[in-house]
Amino acid sequence: MSLTSVVLSSGCSIDLAELRLSSTYGGMLVHRAFHSTALGPEHDPVLYRSALTVIWFQPAPDVPSGASADPALREVRWEELAQDHEL
């Protein structure tokens, strides 16, 4: 189940699958797990997904959504960093 979707600058749409927040000095540590369709053309899009976990600091517990997502998140090089896995 997706919590929200974000469209990256590359045009790739990713879904937020998991969100963990931890309070730190002066902000929040955020652990987010995203997934999308398979990257490799050799992978069946029904049987495979791509996934990437992103961790960063932010001042408030905001959940990214659509075009209002943090610009740094929207610039993630999904095609280079995410990995395909079989469901």
C-alpha atoms as a PDB file:
ATOM      1  CA  MET A   1       0.000   0.000   0.000  1.00  0.00           C
ATOM      2  CA  SER A   2       1.326   3.403  -0.944  1.00  0.00           C
ATOM      3  CA  LEU A   3       1.258   6.287   1.554  1.00  0.00           C
ATOM      4  CA  THR A   4       1.756   8.886  -1.196  1.00  0.00           C
ATOM      5  CA  SER A   5       3.332   9.323  -4.623  1.00  0.00           C
ATOM      6  CA  VAL A   6       6.076  11.677  -5.761  1.00  0.00           C
ATOM      7  CA  VAL A   7       7.002  12.523  -9.346  1.00  0.00           C
ATOM      8  CA  LEU A   8      10.756  12.964  -9.684  1.00  0.00           C
ATOM      9  CA  SER A   9      12.380  15.559 -11.935  1.00  0.00           C
ATOM     10  CA  SER A  10      13.234  12.702 -14.317  1.00  0.00           C
ATOM     11  CA  GLY A  11       9.499  12.016 -14.710  1.00  0.00           C
ATOM     12  CA  CYS A  12       9.616   8.741 -12.795  1.00  0.00           C
ATOM     13  CA  SER A  13       6.720   8.292 -10.368  1.00  0.00           C
ATOM     14  CA  ILE A  14       7.686   6.684  -7.046  1.00  0.00           C
ATOM     15  CA  ASP A  15       5.464   5.509  -4.192  1.00  0.00           C
ATOM     16  CA  LEU A  16       6.236   5.994  -0.509  1.00  0.00           C
ATOM     17  CA  ALA A  17       5.899   2.513   0.979  1.00  0.00           C
ATOM     18  CA  GLU A  18       7.314   3.095   4.475  1.00  0.00           C
ATOM     19  CA  LEU A  19       7.953   6.131   6.679  1.00  0.00           C
ATOM     20  CA  ARG A  20       9.822   6.328  10.000  1.00  0.00           C
ATOM     21  CA  LEU A  21      10.476   9.541  11.921  1.00  0.00           C
ATOM     22  CA  SER A  22      12.902  10.066  14.787  1.00  0.00           C
ATOM     23  CA  SER A  23      13.217  13.274  16.765  1.00  0.00           C
ATOM     24  CA  THR A  24      16.750  14.677  16.863  1.00  0.00           C
ATOM     25  CA  TYR A  25      18.360  17.863  18.095  1.00  0.00           C
ATOM     26  CA  GLY A  26      16.881  20.608  15.930  1.00  0.00           C
ATOM     27  CA  GLY A  27      14.858  18.458  13.557  1.00  0.00           C
ATOM     28  CA  MET A  28      13.676  15.082  12.417  1.00  0.00           C
ATOM     29  CA  LEU A  29      15.636  12.119  11.071  1.00  0.00           C
ATOM     30  CA  VAL A  30      13.530  10.611   8.289  1.00  0.00           C
ATOM     31  CA  HIS A  31      13.769   7.094   6.908  1.00  0.00           C
ATOM     32  CA  ARG A  32      11.621   6.530   3.837  1.00  0.00           C
ATOM     33  CA  ALA A  33      11.340   3.455   1.649  1.00  0.00           C
ATOM     34  CA  PHE A  34      10.154   4.075  -1.904  1.00  0.00           C
ATOM     35  CA  HIS A  35       9.240   1.716  -4.720  1.00  0.00           C
ATOM     36  CA  SER A  36       8.341   2.009  -8.390  1.00  0.00           C
ATOM     37  CA  THR A  37       8.069  -0.118 -11.498  1.00  0.00           C
ATOM     38  CA  ALA A  38      11.001  -2.304 -12.553  1.00  0.00           C
ATOM     39  CA  LEU A  39      13.947  -0.463 -14.098  1.00  0.00           C
ATOM     40  CA  GLY A  40      15.455  -3.288 -16.139  1.00  0.00           C
ATOM     41  CA  PRO A  41      13.705  -3.957 -19.444  1.00  0.00           C
ATOM     42  CA  GLU A  42      14.472  -7.659 -18.951  1.00  0.00           C
ATOM     43  CA  HIS A  43      12.281  -7.723 -15.807  1.00  0.00           C
ATOM     44  CA  ASP A  44       8.580  -8.452 -16.058  1.00  0.00           C
ATOM     45  CA  PRO A  45       6.789  -5.354 -14.637  1.00  0.00           C
ATOM     46  CA  VAL A  46       4.205  -7.630 -12.976  1.00  0.00           C
ATOM     47  CA  LEU A  47       6.849  -9.663 -11.129  1.00  0.00           C
ATOM     48  CA  TYR A  48       9.440  -6.966 -10.351  1.00  0.00           C
ATOM     49  CA  ARG A  49       9.638  -3.564  -8.640  1.00  0.00           C
ATOM     50  CA  SER A  50      12.486  -1.158  -8.079  1.00  0.00           C
ATOM     51  CA  ALA A  51      13.189   0.038  -4.538  1.00  0.00           C
ATOM     52  CA  LEU A  52      15.335   2.584  -2.711  1.00  0.00           C
ATOM     53  CA  THR A  53      15.593   3.678   0.927  1.00  0.00           C
ATOM     54  CA  VAL A  54      16.305   7.380   1.510  1.00  0.00           C
ATOM     55  CA  ILE A  55      17.416   8.856   4.861  1.00  0.00           C
ATOM     56  CA  TRP A  56      17.719  12.588   5.605  1.00  0.00           C
ATOM     57  CA  PHE A  57      17.164  15.345   8.164  1.00  0.00           C
ATOM     58  CA  GLN A  58      14.309  17.844   7.951  1.00  0.00           C
ATOM     59  CA  PRO A  59      12.914  20.478  10.322  1.00  0.00           C
ATOM     60  CA  ALA A  60       9.320  19.149  10.509  1.00  0.00           C
ATOM     61  CA  PRO A  61       7.537  15.790  10.114  1.00  0.00           C
ATOM     62  CA  ASP A  62       6.124  16.569   6.660  1.00  0.00           C
ATOM     63  CA  VAL A  63       5.216  13.744   4.272  1.00  0.00           C
ATOM     64  CA  PRO A  64       6.269  14.378   0.653  1.00  0.00           C
ATOM     65  CA  SER A  65       3.505  14.494  -1.914  1.00  0.00           C
ATOM     66  CA  GLY A  66       3.374  15.318  -5.606  1.00  0.00           C
ATOM     67  CA  ALA A  67       4.974  18.599  -6.630  1.00  0.00           C
ATOM     68  CA  SER A  68       5.243  19.817  -3.008  1.00  0.00           C
ATOM     69  CA  ALA A  69       7.899  17.201  -2.215  1.00  0.00           C
ATOM     70  CA  ASP A  70      11.312  18.443  -1.112  1.00  0.00           C
ATOM     71  CA  PRO A  71      13.308  19.476  -4.216  1.00  0.00           C
ATOM     72  CA  ALA A  72      16.264  17.344  -3.044  1.00  0.00           C
ATOM     73  CA  LEU A  73      14.012  14.272  -2.998  1.00  0.00           C
ATOM     74  CA  ARG A  74      12.652  15.077  -6.455  1.00  0.00           C
ATOM     75  CA  GLU A  75      16.263  15.192  -7.754  1.00  0.00           C
ATOM     76  CA  VAL A  76      17.124  11.654  -6.558  1.00  0.00           C
ATOM     77  CA  ARG A  77      18.759   9.743  -9.419  1.00  0.00           C
ATOM     78  CA  TRP A  78      16.321   6.837  -9.194  1.00  0.00           C
ATOM     79  CA  GLU A  79      17.507   5.106 -12.346  1.00  0.00           C
ATOM     80  CA  GLU A  80      21.099   5.014 -10.990  1.00  0.00           C
ATOM     81  CA  LEU A  81      20.438   4.252  -7.307  1.00  0.00           C
ATOM     82  CA  ALA A  82      17.316   2.067  -7.087  1.00  0.00           C
ATOM     83  CA  GLN A  83      17.552  -1.684  -7.546  1.00  0.00           C
ATOM     84  CA  ASP A  84      15.051  -4.136  -9.010  1.00  0.00           C
ATOM     85  CA  HIS A  85      13.809  -7.039  -6.915  1.00  0.00           C
ATOM     86  CA  GLU A  86      11.390  -9.861  -7.524  1.00  0.00           C
ATOM     87  CA  LEU A  87       8.063  -9.693  -5.667  1.00  0.00           C
END
